[in-house]
Amino acid sequence: MKKAQLISEILGDFLLPLLGFLFWDWDLYFILLFIIFDLSIRLVFAFFRPESRKLALLLRPVLFYFTFLIISHFYIVLTEPTWRFASAFSAFFWYEDFFIPQGFILIPLLIYTERSRQRMELMLHGSYNAVSHLKKLGARLIASTVIFMLMSICLAIFSWSETAEISFFLSAWLLLLISENKAAFLKE
């Protein structure tokens, strides 16, 4: 991929959570739900691609996905013991901006983004590379799980504020996105 396309992909994966935090008063769980929706849609699209419908290809990303869900939700419960999934999910989905629940905007936007990403890969390479797509998704899920493990350790050692917690997560998320695509930036 060209550098401009990679920068656009990085901004797309990072900018919306950052804007949510800065302008829409998203907390860490809202950011996490957005990322979970994004990763879920990528995994669902992989299930429906004929090239990736092999158990051997899908097993690792699915296991990594469930590990990420468990560890990230474990962290949320550590930070807020009275937290409840159903009420937090409902608050995220029905959060209104300009009188429109954000769930009705974000889910179609993420579906459109994934579909566009696949079309772009077909245009650039002429085929869909299921193995590389699933490896990249699996690596992102593992790295995301490690981020939440580090955050759990930091939470046990430090007493940090919500702003520091979100800043740490967003910084780690940006570094993850940049490191995923570092090879393209190193090429001339």
N, C-alpha and C. Protein backbone atom coordinates (compact mmCIF):
# COMPACT_ATOMS: atom_id res chain seq x y z
N MET A 1 0.83 -1.18 0.00
CA MET A 1 0.00 0.00 0.00
C MET A 1 0.87 1.24 0.00
N LYS A 2 0.35 2.28 -0.55
CA LYS A 2 1.08 3.53 -0.58
C LYS A 2 1.00 4.20 0.80
N LYS A 3 1.96 5.09 1.06
CA LYS A 3 2.01 5.76 2.35
C LYS A 3 0.74 6.55 2.64
N ALA A 4 0.21 7.22 1.64
CA ALA A 4 -1.01 8.01 1.84
C ALA A 4 -2.17 7.13 2.26
N GLN A 5 -2.28 5.94 1.66
CA GLN A 5 -3.35 5.02 2.02
C GLN A 5 -3.16 4.49 3.44
N LEU A 6 -1.92 4.22 3.82
CA LEU A 6 -1.64 3.76 5.18
C LEU A 6 -1.94 4.84 6.20
N ILE A 7 -1.56 6.05 5.89
CA ILE A 7 -1.85 7.15 6.81
C ILE A 7 -3.35 7.32 6.95
N SER A 8 -4.07 7.18 5.86
CA SER A 8 -5.52 7.27 5.91
C SER A 8 -6.11 6.13 6.75
N GLU A 9 -5.56 4.93 6.63
CA GLU A 9 -6.05 3.80 7.43
C GLU A 9 -5.76 4.02 8.91
N ILE A 10 -4.57 4.51 9.22
CA ILE A 10 -4.22 4.77 10.61
C ILE A 10 -5.12 5.85 11.19
N LEU A 11 -5.33 6.92 10.44
CA LEU A 11 -6.21 7.98 10.92
C LEU A 11 -7.64 7.48 11.09
N GLY A 12 -8.10 6.64 10.18
CA GLY A 12 -9.45 6.11 10.29
C GLY A 12 -9.64 5.25 11.52
N ASP A 13 -8.62 4.46 11.88
CA ASP A 13 -8.73 3.59 13.05
C ASP A 13 -8.48 4.34 14.35
N PHE A 14 -7.81 5.47 14.27
CA PHE A 14 -7.45 6.21 15.48
C PHE A 14 -8.27 7.47 15.68
N LEU A 15 -8.62 8.14 14.60
CA LEU A 15 -9.24 9.45 14.70
C LEU A 15 -10.62 9.42 15.35
N LEU A 16 -11.44 8.46 15.00
CA LEU A 16 -12.79 8.43 15.57
C LEU A 16 -12.78 8.20 17.08
N PRO A 17 -11.98 7.26 17.61
CA PRO A 17 -11.91 7.17 19.08
C PRO A 17 -11.38 8.45 19.73
N LEU A 18 -10.40 9.09 19.08
CA LEU A 18 -9.88 10.34 19.63
C LEU A 18 -10.94 11.44 19.62
N LEU A 19 -11.66 11.56 18.52
CA LEU A 19 -12.73 12.56 18.44
C LEU A 19 -13.84 12.26 19.45
N GLY A 20 -14.14 10.97 19.61
CA GLY A 20 -15.14 10.58 20.60
C GLY A 20 -14.75 11.02 22.00
N PHE A 21 -13.49 10.85 22.34
CA PHE A 21 -13.00 11.26 23.65
C PHE A 21 -13.01 12.78 23.80
N LEU A 22 -12.54 13.48 22.77
CA LEU A 22 -12.41 14.93 22.87
C LEU A 22 -13.73 15.68 22.76
N PHE A 23 -14.62 15.24 21.85
CA PHE A 23 -15.81 16.04 21.57
C PHE A 23 -17.12 15.42 22.02
N TRP A 24 -17.18 14.09 22.11
CA TRP A 24 -18.45 13.46 22.45
C TRP A 24 -18.45 12.86 23.85
N ASP A 25 -17.42 13.17 24.61
CA ASP A 25 -17.33 12.75 26.00
C ASP A 25 -17.36 11.24 26.17
N TRP A 26 -16.71 10.52 25.25
CA TRP A 26 -16.61 9.07 25.37
C TRP A 26 -15.66 8.74 26.51
N ASP A 27 -16.02 7.73 27.28
CA ASP A 27 -15.09 7.22 28.28
C ASP A 27 -14.33 6.04 27.67
N LEU A 28 -13.52 5.38 28.48
CA LEU A 28 -12.71 4.28 27.94
C LEU A 28 -13.59 3.16 27.41
N TYR A 29 -14.71 2.89 28.09
CA TYR A 29 -15.54 1.80 27.62
C TYR A 29 -16.20 2.12 26.28
N PHE A 30 -16.59 3.36 26.06
CA PHE A 30 -17.16 3.73 24.76
C PHE A 30 -16.11 3.54 23.66
N ILE A 31 -14.87 3.95 23.94
CA ILE A 31 -13.79 3.76 22.97
C ILE A 31 -13.57 2.27 22.73
N LEU A 32 -13.57 1.51 23.81
CA LEU A 32 -13.39 0.06 23.70
C LEU A 32 -14.51 -0.57 22.88
N LEU A 33 -15.74 -0.16 23.11
CA LEU A 33 -16.86 -0.72 22.32
C LEU A 33 -16.73 -0.39 20.85
N PHE A 34 -16.29 0.82 20.54
CA PHE A 34 -16.08 1.17 19.14
C PHE A 34 -15.05 0.23 18.52
N ILE A 35 -13.95 0.00 19.22
CA ILE A 35 -12.89 -0.88 18.71
C ILE A 35 -13.40 -2.32 18.61
N ILE A 36 -14.18 -2.76 19.58
CA ILE A 36 -14.76 -4.11 19.53
C ILE A 36 -15.69 -4.25 18.33
N PHE A 37 -16.52 -3.25 18.08
CA PHE A 37 -17.38 -3.30 16.90
C PHE A 37 -16.55 -3.37 15.62
N ASP A 38 -15.49 -2.57 15.55
CA ASP A 38 -14.63 -2.57 14.37
C ASP A 38 -14.00 -3.94 14.16
N LEU A 39 -13.42 -4.50 15.21
CA LEU A 39 -12.79 -5.82 15.09
C LEU A 39 -13.81 -6.91 14.81
N SER A 40 -14.99 -6.80 15.38
CA SER A 40 -16.06 -7.79 15.14
C SER A 40 -16.49 -7.78 13.68
N ILE A 41 -16.64 -6.59 13.13
CA ILE A 41 -17.06 -6.48 11.74
C ILE A 41 -15.97 -7.04 10.82
N ARG A 42 -14.72 -6.78 11.13
CA ARG A 42 -13.63 -7.34 10.33
C ARG A 42 -13.65 -8.87 10.39
N LEU A 43 -13.90 -9.41 11.57
CA LEU A 43 -13.95 -10.87 11.72
C LEU A 43 -15.16 -11.46 11.00
N VAL A 44 -16.29 -10.82 11.07
CA VAL A 44 -17.49 -11.29 10.37
C VAL A 44 -17.27 -11.26 8.86
N PHE A 45 -16.66 -10.20 8.35
CA PHE A 45 -16.37 -10.14 6.92
C PHE A 45 -15.43 -11.27 6.52
N ALA A 46 -14.48 -11.61 7.39
CA ALA A 46 -13.56 -12.71 7.08
C ALA A 46 -14.32 -14.04 7.02
N PHE A 47 -15.34 -14.20 7.86
CA PHE A 47 -16.14 -15.42 7.84
C PHE A 47 -16.90 -15.58 6.52
N PHE A 48 -17.30 -14.46 5.95
CA PHE A 48 -18.11 -14.53 4.74
C PHE A 48 -17.30 -14.52 3.44
N ARG A 49 -16.00 -14.32 3.55
CA ARG A 49 -15.16 -14.38 2.35
C ARG A 49 -14.88 -15.85 2.03
N PRO A 50 -15.12 -16.28 0.80
CA PRO A 50 -14.86 -17.69 0.45
C PRO A 50 -13.39 -18.08 0.64
N GLU A 51 -12.48 -17.12 0.45
CA GLU A 51 -11.05 -17.43 0.58
C GLU A 51 -10.63 -17.73 2.01
N SER A 52 -11.41 -17.27 2.99
CA SER A 52 -10.99 -17.43 4.38
C SER A 52 -11.93 -18.33 5.19
N ARG A 53 -12.72 -19.12 4.55
CA ARG A 53 -13.66 -19.99 5.26
C ARG A 53 -13.04 -21.32 5.69
N LYS A 54 -11.80 -21.29 6.07
CA LYS A 54 -11.12 -22.50 6.52
C LYS A 54 -10.92 -22.40 8.02
N LEU A 55 -11.20 -23.49 8.71
CA LEU A 55 -11.07 -23.49 10.16
C LEU A 55 -9.65 -23.15 10.60
N ALA A 56 -8.66 -23.65 9.87
CA ALA A 56 -7.26 -23.39 10.23
C ALA A 56 -6.94 -21.90 10.17
N LEU A 57 -7.54 -21.18 9.24
CA LEU A 57 -7.29 -19.74 9.12
C LEU A 57 -8.04 -18.93 10.16
N LEU A 58 -9.25 -19.35 10.51
CA LEU A 58 -10.10 -18.56 11.38
C LEU A 58 -9.94 -18.87 12.87
N LEU A 59 -9.37 -20.02 13.20
CA LEU A 59 -9.30 -20.43 14.59
C LEU A 59 -8.51 -19.45 15.46
N ARG A 60 -7.32 -19.09 15.04
CA ARG A 60 -6.50 -18.17 15.84
C ARG A 60 -7.15 -16.81 16.04
N PRO A 61 -7.59 -16.14 14.97
CA PRO A 61 -8.22 -14.83 15.19
C PRO A 61 -9.45 -14.90 16.10
N VAL A 62 -10.22 -15.97 16.00
CA VAL A 62 -11.41 -16.09 16.85
C VAL A 62 -10.99 -16.28 18.31
N LEU A 63 -9.99 -17.12 18.56
CA LEU A 63 -9.49 -17.30 19.93
C LEU A 63 -8.89 -16.00 20.47
N PHE A 64 -8.13 -15.30 19.65
CA PHE A 64 -7.55 -14.03 20.07
C PHE A 64 -8.64 -12.99 20.34
N TYR A 65 -9.71 -13.04 19.54
CA TYR A 65 -10.83 -12.11 19.72
C TYR A 65 -11.49 -12.34 21.08
N PHE A 66 -11.77 -13.58 21.41
CA PHE A 66 -12.41 -13.86 22.70
C PHE A 66 -11.47 -13.55 23.87
N THR A 67 -10.19 -13.78 23.70
CA THR A 67 -9.22 -13.41 24.73
C THR A 67 -9.22 -11.90 24.94
N PHE A 68 -9.24 -11.15 23.85
CA PHE A 68 -9.29 -9.69 23.94
C PHE A 68 -10.56 -9.24 24.65
N LEU A 69 -11.70 -9.83 24.30
CA LEU A 69 -12.96 -9.45 24.95
C LEU A 69 -12.90 -9.70 26.46
N ILE A 70 -12.38 -10.84 26.86
CA ILE A 70 -12.34 -11.19 28.28
C ILE A 70 -11.38 -10.27 29.04
N ILE A 71 -10.18 -10.08 28.52
CA ILE A 71 -9.19 -9.25 29.22
C ILE A 71 -9.63 -7.79 29.29
N SER A 72 -10.16 -7.26 28.19
CA SER A 72 -10.58 -5.86 28.20
C SER A 72 -11.76 -5.63 29.14
N HIS A 73 -12.70 -6.55 29.17
CA HIS A 73 -13.82 -6.41 30.09
C HIS A 73 -13.39 -6.64 31.54
N PHE A 74 -12.40 -7.49 31.74
CA PHE A 74 -11.83 -7.67 33.07
C PHE A 74 -11.25 -6.35 33.57
N TYR A 75 -10.55 -5.64 32.70
CA TYR A 75 -9.99 -4.35 33.07
C TYR A 75 -11.09 -3.35 33.43
N ILE A 76 -12.15 -3.32 32.64
CA ILE A 76 -13.24 -2.38 32.91
C ILE A 76 -13.85 -2.67 34.28
N VAL A 77 -14.02 -3.93 34.61
CA VAL A 77 -14.57 -4.29 35.93
C VAL A 77 -13.60 -3.91 37.04
N LEU A 78 -12.30 -4.01 36.78
CA LEU A 78 -11.31 -3.58 37.79
C LEU A 78 -11.43 -2.09 38.07
N THR A 79 -11.64 -1.31 37.03
CA THR A 79 -11.70 0.14 37.21
C THR A 79 -13.02 0.59 37.81
N GLU A 80 -14.08 -0.12 37.52
CA GLU A 80 -15.41 0.26 38.02
C GLU A 80 -16.19 -1.00 38.40
N PRO A 81 -16.08 -1.42 39.65
CA PRO A 81 -16.71 -2.68 40.09
C PRO A 81 -18.23 -2.73 39.92
N THR A 82 -18.90 -1.58 39.89
CA THR A 82 -20.36 -1.58 39.74
C THR A 82 -20.80 -1.56 38.28
N TRP A 83 -19.84 -1.64 37.37
CA TRP A 83 -20.12 -1.57 35.94
C TRP A 83 -20.96 -2.76 35.50
N ARG A 84 -21.91 -2.52 34.61
CA ARG A 84 -22.77 -3.57 34.06
C ARG A 84 -22.76 -3.47 32.54
N PHE A 85 -22.54 -4.62 31.89
CA PHE A 85 -22.39 -4.65 30.43
C PHE A 85 -23.63 -4.13 29.73
N ALA A 86 -24.82 -4.64 30.08
CA ALA A 86 -26.04 -4.29 29.35
C ALA A 86 -26.32 -2.79 29.41
N SER A 87 -26.19 -2.19 30.56
CA SER A 87 -26.47 -0.75 30.66
C SER A 87 -25.41 0.08 29.95
N ALA A 88 -24.15 -0.35 30.04
CA ALA A 88 -23.08 0.39 29.34
C ALA A 88 -23.21 0.26 27.83
N PHE A 89 -23.54 -0.94 27.34
CA PHE A 89 -23.72 -1.14 25.91
C PHE A 89 -24.90 -0.31 25.40
N SER A 90 -25.98 -0.32 26.15
CA SER A 90 -27.16 0.47 25.76
C SER A 90 -26.82 1.96 25.75
N ALA A 91 -26.09 2.42 26.75
CA ALA A 91 -25.70 3.83 26.80
C ALA A 91 -24.85 4.20 25.59
N PHE A 92 -23.96 3.30 25.17
CA PHE A 92 -23.13 3.56 24.00
C PHE A 92 -23.97 3.61 22.73
N PHE A 93 -24.79 2.60 22.53
CA PHE A 93 -25.55 2.50 21.29
C PHE A 93 -26.55 3.65 21.16
N TRP A 94 -27.22 4.01 22.23
CA TRP A 94 -28.28 5.01 22.17
C TRP A 94 -27.82 6.42 22.50
N TYR A 95 -26.50 6.60 22.70
CA TYR A 95 -25.97 7.93 22.96
C TYR A 95 -26.30 8.81 21.76
N GLU A 96 -26.95 9.94 22.02
CA GLU A 96 -27.42 10.79 20.92
C GLU A 96 -26.53 12.01 20.72
N ASP A 97 -26.25 12.26 19.48
CA ASP A 97 -25.60 13.48 19.07
C ASP A 97 -26.40 14.00 17.88
N PHE A 98 -26.85 15.21 17.95
CA PHE A 98 -27.75 15.79 16.94
C PHE A 98 -29.02 14.95 16.80
N PHE A 99 -29.50 14.43 17.91
CA PHE A 99 -30.76 13.69 18.01
C PHE A 99 -30.76 12.37 17.25
N ILE A 100 -29.58 11.84 16.93
CA ILE A 100 -29.47 10.55 16.25
C ILE A 100 -28.63 9.63 17.14
N PRO A 101 -29.16 8.45 17.50
CA PRO A 101 -28.35 7.51 18.28
C PRO A 101 -27.10 7.11 17.50
N GLN A 102 -25.93 7.17 18.18
CA GLN A 102 -24.67 6.94 17.48
C GLN A 102 -24.53 5.51 16.97
N GLY A 103 -25.24 4.56 17.54
CA GLY A 103 -25.17 3.18 17.06
C GLY A 103 -25.67 3.06 15.63
N PHE A 104 -26.65 3.87 15.28
CA PHE A 104 -27.19 3.85 13.92
C PHE A 104 -26.26 4.50 12.90
N ILE A 105 -25.29 5.24 13.38
CA ILE A 105 -24.31 5.87 12.49
C ILE A 105 -23.02 5.04 12.44
N LEU A 106 -22.54 4.62 13.62
CA LEU A 106 -21.24 3.96 13.69
C LEU A 106 -21.22 2.57 13.06
N ILE A 107 -22.24 1.78 13.30
CA ILE A 107 -22.25 0.41 12.76
C ILE A 107 -22.24 0.42 11.23
N PRO A 108 -23.14 1.16 10.57
CA PRO A 108 -23.05 1.22 9.09
C PRO A 108 -21.74 1.84 8.61
N LEU A 109 -21.20 2.81 9.34
CA LEU A 109 -19.93 3.41 8.96
C LEU A 109 -18.81 2.38 9.01
N LEU A 110 -18.78 1.56 10.04
CA LEU A 110 -17.75 0.52 10.15
C LEU A 110 -17.91 -0.55 9.07
N ILE A 111 -19.14 -0.90 8.76
CA ILE A 111 -19.39 -1.88 7.69
C ILE A 111 -18.92 -1.30 6.35
N TYR A 112 -19.26 -0.06 6.10
CA TYR A 112 -18.83 0.59 4.86
C TYR A 112 -17.30 0.67 4.78
N THR A 113 -16.67 0.99 5.89
CA THR A 113 -15.21 1.10 5.92
C THR A 113 -14.55 -0.24 5.61
N GLU A 114 -15.06 -1.31 6.20
CA GLU A 114 -14.47 -2.63 5.93
C GLU A 114 -14.70 -3.04 4.49
N ARG A 115 -15.88 -2.78 3.98
CA ARG A 115 -16.16 -3.10 2.57
C ARG A 115 -15.25 -2.30 1.64
N SER A 116 -15.03 -1.03 1.97
CA SER A 116 -14.13 -0.20 1.16
C SER A 116 -12.69 -0.70 1.25
N ARG A 117 -12.29 -1.15 2.42
CA ARG A 117 -10.93 -1.67 2.59
C ARG A 117 -10.72 -2.90 1.71
N GLN A 118 -11.73 -3.76 1.66
CA GLN A 118 -11.62 -4.96 0.82
C GLN A 118 -11.62 -4.59 -0.66
N ARG A 119 -12.44 -3.65 -1.06
CA ARG A 119 -12.44 -3.21 -2.46
C ARG A 119 -11.10 -2.60 -2.86
N MET A 120 -10.53 -1.82 -1.94
CA MET A 120 -9.24 -1.19 -2.22
C MET A 120 -8.16 -2.26 -2.39
N GLU A 121 -8.20 -3.30 -1.58
CA GLU A 121 -7.21 -4.38 -1.72
C GLU A 121 -7.39 -5.10 -3.05
N LEU A 122 -8.63 -5.31 -3.45
CA LEU A 122 -8.87 -5.94 -4.75
C LEU A 122 -8.37 -5.07 -5.90
N MET A 123 -8.57 -3.77 -5.79
CA MET A 123 -8.11 -2.86 -6.85
C MET A 123 -6.59 -2.81 -6.91
N LEU A 124 -5.94 -2.79 -5.75
CA LEU A 124 -4.49 -2.66 -5.72
C LEU A 124 -3.77 -3.96 -6.08
N HIS A 125 -4.28 -5.09 -5.59
CA HIS A 125 -3.56 -6.35 -5.74
C HIS A 125 -4.25 -7.34 -6.68
N GLY A 126 -5.49 -7.09 -7.03
CA GLY A 126 -6.20 -7.98 -7.94
C GLY A 126 -6.83 -9.18 -7.26
N SER A 127 -6.52 -9.40 -5.97
CA SER A 127 -7.13 -10.51 -5.23
C SER A 127 -7.13 -10.17 -3.75
N TYR A 128 -7.93 -10.93 -3.04
CA TYR A 128 -8.03 -10.76 -1.59
C TYR A 128 -7.12 -11.79 -0.94
N ASN A 129 -6.17 -11.34 -0.13
CA ASN A 129 -5.23 -12.23 0.54
C ASN A 129 -5.76 -12.53 1.94
N ALA A 130 -6.49 -13.63 2.08
CA ALA A 130 -7.12 -13.98 3.35
C ALA A 130 -6.10 -14.24 4.44
N VAL A 131 -5.01 -14.89 4.10
CA VAL A 131 -4.00 -15.23 5.11
C VAL A 131 -3.40 -13.97 5.72
N SER A 132 -2.99 -13.02 4.89
CA SER A 132 -2.37 -11.80 5.42
C SER A 132 -3.40 -10.97 6.20
N HIS A 133 -4.63 -10.91 5.72
CA HIS A 133 -5.67 -10.16 6.42
C HIS A 133 -5.91 -10.75 7.81
N LEU A 134 -6.03 -12.07 7.90
CA LEU A 134 -6.29 -12.71 9.19
C LEU A 134 -5.08 -12.67 10.11
N LYS A 135 -3.87 -12.73 9.55
CA LYS A 135 -2.67 -12.59 10.38
C LYS A 135 -2.60 -11.19 10.98
N LYS A 136 -2.91 -10.19 10.17
CA LYS A 136 -2.88 -8.80 10.66
C LYS A 136 -3.95 -8.60 11.73
N LEU A 137 -5.13 -9.17 11.51
CA LEU A 137 -6.20 -9.06 12.50
C LEU A 137 -5.82 -9.77 13.79
N GLY A 138 -5.24 -10.96 13.68
CA GLY A 138 -4.79 -11.70 14.86
C GLY A 138 -3.71 -10.96 15.62
N ALA A 139 -2.76 -10.38 14.90
CA ALA A 139 -1.70 -9.61 15.56
C ALA A 139 -2.27 -8.39 16.28
N ARG A 140 -3.24 -7.73 15.67
CA ARG A 140 -3.87 -6.57 16.32
C ARG A 140 -4.61 -7.00 17.58
N LEU A 141 -5.28 -8.14 17.53
CA LEU A 141 -6.00 -8.62 18.70
C LEU A 141 -5.05 -8.99 19.84
N ILE A 142 -3.94 -9.63 19.51
CA ILE A 142 -2.96 -9.97 20.55
C ILE A 142 -2.38 -8.70 21.16
N ALA A 143 -1.98 -7.76 20.32
CA ALA A 143 -1.40 -6.51 20.82
C ALA A 143 -2.42 -5.75 21.66
N SER A 144 -3.67 -5.75 21.27
CA SER A 144 -4.72 -5.07 22.04
C SER A 144 -4.89 -5.73 23.40
N THR A 145 -4.81 -7.04 23.44
CA THR A 145 -4.90 -7.76 24.70
C THR A 145 -3.73 -7.40 25.60
N VAL A 146 -2.54 -7.32 25.03
CA VAL A 146 -1.34 -6.95 25.81
C VAL A 146 -1.48 -5.53 26.36
N ILE A 147 -2.07 -4.63 25.57
CA ILE A 147 -2.29 -3.26 26.05
C ILE A 147 -3.15 -3.27 27.30
N PHE A 148 -4.24 -4.04 27.28
CA PHE A 148 -5.10 -4.09 28.46
C PHE A 148 -4.45 -4.82 29.63
N MET A 149 -3.58 -5.77 29.35
CA MET A 149 -2.83 -6.41 30.43
C MET A 149 -1.89 -5.40 31.08
N LEU A 150 -1.19 -4.62 30.26
CA LEU A 150 -0.32 -3.58 30.80
C LEU A 150 -1.11 -2.54 31.59
N MET A 151 -2.27 -2.19 31.09
CA MET A 151 -3.11 -1.23 31.80
C MET A 151 -3.56 -1.80 33.14
N SER A 152 -3.83 -3.10 33.22
CA SER A 152 -4.21 -3.73 34.48
C SER A 152 -3.06 -3.67 35.48
N ILE A 153 -1.84 -3.91 35.00
CA ILE A 153 -0.67 -3.82 35.88
C ILE A 153 -0.49 -2.38 36.36
N CYS A 154 -0.62 -1.43 35.45
CA CYS A 154 -0.50 -0.02 35.83
C CYS A 154 -1.57 0.39 36.83
N LEU A 155 -2.76 -0.13 36.66
CA LEU A 155 -3.85 0.17 37.58
C LEU A 155 -3.54 -0.37 38.98
N ALA A 156 -2.91 -1.54 39.03
CA ALA A 156 -2.56 -2.12 40.33
C ALA A 156 -1.43 -1.33 41.00
N ILE A 157 -0.54 -0.75 40.21
CA ILE A 157 0.61 -0.03 40.77
C ILE A 157 0.28 1.44 41.05
N PHE A 158 -0.39 2.09 40.09
CA PHE A 158 -0.69 3.51 40.20
C PHE A 158 -2.19 3.72 40.39
N SER A 159 -2.50 4.87 40.89
CA SER A 159 -3.90 5.28 40.96
C SER A 159 -4.06 6.40 39.94
N TRP A 160 -4.44 6.04 38.74
CA TRP A 160 -4.48 7.06 37.70
C TRP A 160 -5.90 7.54 37.44
N SER A 161 -5.98 8.73 36.90
CA SER A 161 -7.27 9.34 36.61
C SER A 161 -7.83 8.76 35.31
N GLU A 162 -9.09 9.04 35.06
CA GLU A 162 -9.72 8.56 33.83
C GLU A 162 -9.05 9.18 32.60
N THR A 163 -8.67 10.44 32.69
CA THR A 163 -8.01 11.10 31.57
C THR A 163 -6.64 10.46 31.29
N ALA A 164 -5.88 10.16 32.33
CA ALA A 164 -4.58 9.51 32.16
C ALA A 164 -4.76 8.11 31.57
N GLU A 165 -5.78 7.42 32.03
CA GLU A 165 -6.07 6.07 31.54
C GLU A 165 -6.41 6.10 30.04
N ILE A 166 -7.27 7.00 29.65
CA ILE A 166 -7.66 7.10 28.24
C ILE A 166 -6.49 7.59 27.39
N SER A 167 -5.72 8.53 27.91
CA SER A 167 -4.54 9.01 27.17
C SER A 167 -3.54 7.89 26.95
N PHE A 168 -3.32 7.08 27.98
CA PHE A 168 -2.41 5.94 27.85
C PHE A 168 -2.93 4.98 26.79
N PHE A 169 -4.22 4.67 26.86
CA PHE A 169 -4.79 3.72 25.90
C PHE A 169 -4.70 4.26 24.47
N LEU A 170 -5.09 5.51 24.26
CA LEU A 170 -5.06 6.08 22.91
C LEU A 170 -3.63 6.16 22.37
N SER A 171 -2.68 6.49 23.23
CA SER A 171 -1.27 6.52 22.80
C SER A 171 -0.80 5.12 22.41
N ALA A 172 -1.14 4.14 23.24
CA ALA A 172 -0.75 2.75 22.94
C ALA A 172 -1.44 2.28 21.67
N TRP A 173 -2.69 2.65 21.46
CA TRP A 173 -3.43 2.26 20.26
C TRP A 173 -2.79 2.87 19.01
N LEU A 174 -2.39 4.15 19.10
CA LEU A 174 -1.74 4.79 17.97
C LEU A 174 -0.39 4.13 17.66
N LEU A 175 0.37 3.82 18.68
CA LEU A 175 1.64 3.13 18.47
C LEU A 175 1.43 1.75 17.85
N LEU A 176 0.39 1.07 18.26
CA LEU A 176 0.06 -0.23 17.67
C LEU A 176 -0.25 -0.09 16.19
N LEU A 177 -1.06 0.89 15.83
CA LEU A 177 -1.42 1.09 14.44
C LEU A 177 -0.21 1.47 13.58
N ILE A 178 0.64 2.31 14.13
CA ILE A 178 1.84 2.70 13.39
C ILE A 178 2.79 1.52 13.24
N SER A 179 2.96 0.74 14.31
CA SER A 179 3.89 -0.40 14.23
C SER A 179 3.39 -1.49 13.29
N GLU A 180 2.06 -1.63 13.15
CA GLU A 180 1.51 -2.61 12.20
C GLU A 180 1.94 -2.29 10.76
N ASN A 181 2.08 -1.03 10.48
CA ASN A 181 2.35 -0.59 9.11
C ASN A 181 3.74 0.01 8.96
N LYS A 182 4.65 -0.27 9.89
CA LYS A 182 5.98 0.33 9.84
C LYS A 182 6.76 -0.05 8.60
N ALA A 183 6.54 -1.26 8.08
CA ALA A 183 7.28 -1.71 6.90
C ALA A 183 7.02 -0.80 5.70
N ALA A 184 5.80 -0.33 5.56
CA ALA A 184 5.48 0.54 4.42
C ALA A 184 6.15 1.90 4.57
N PHE A 185 6.33 2.36 5.81
CA PHE A 185 6.96 3.65 6.01
C PHE A 185 8.48 3.58 5.80
N LEU A 186 9.04 2.38 5.98
CA LEU A 186 10.48 2.22 5.83
C LEU A 186 10.90 2.06 4.38
N LYS A 187 9.95 1.69 3.52
CA LYS A 187 10.25 1.54 2.09
C LYS A 187 10.39 2.91 1.45
N GLU A 188 11.21 2.98 0.48
CA GLU A 188 11.39 4.25 -0.26
C GLU A 188 10.35 4.38 -1.33
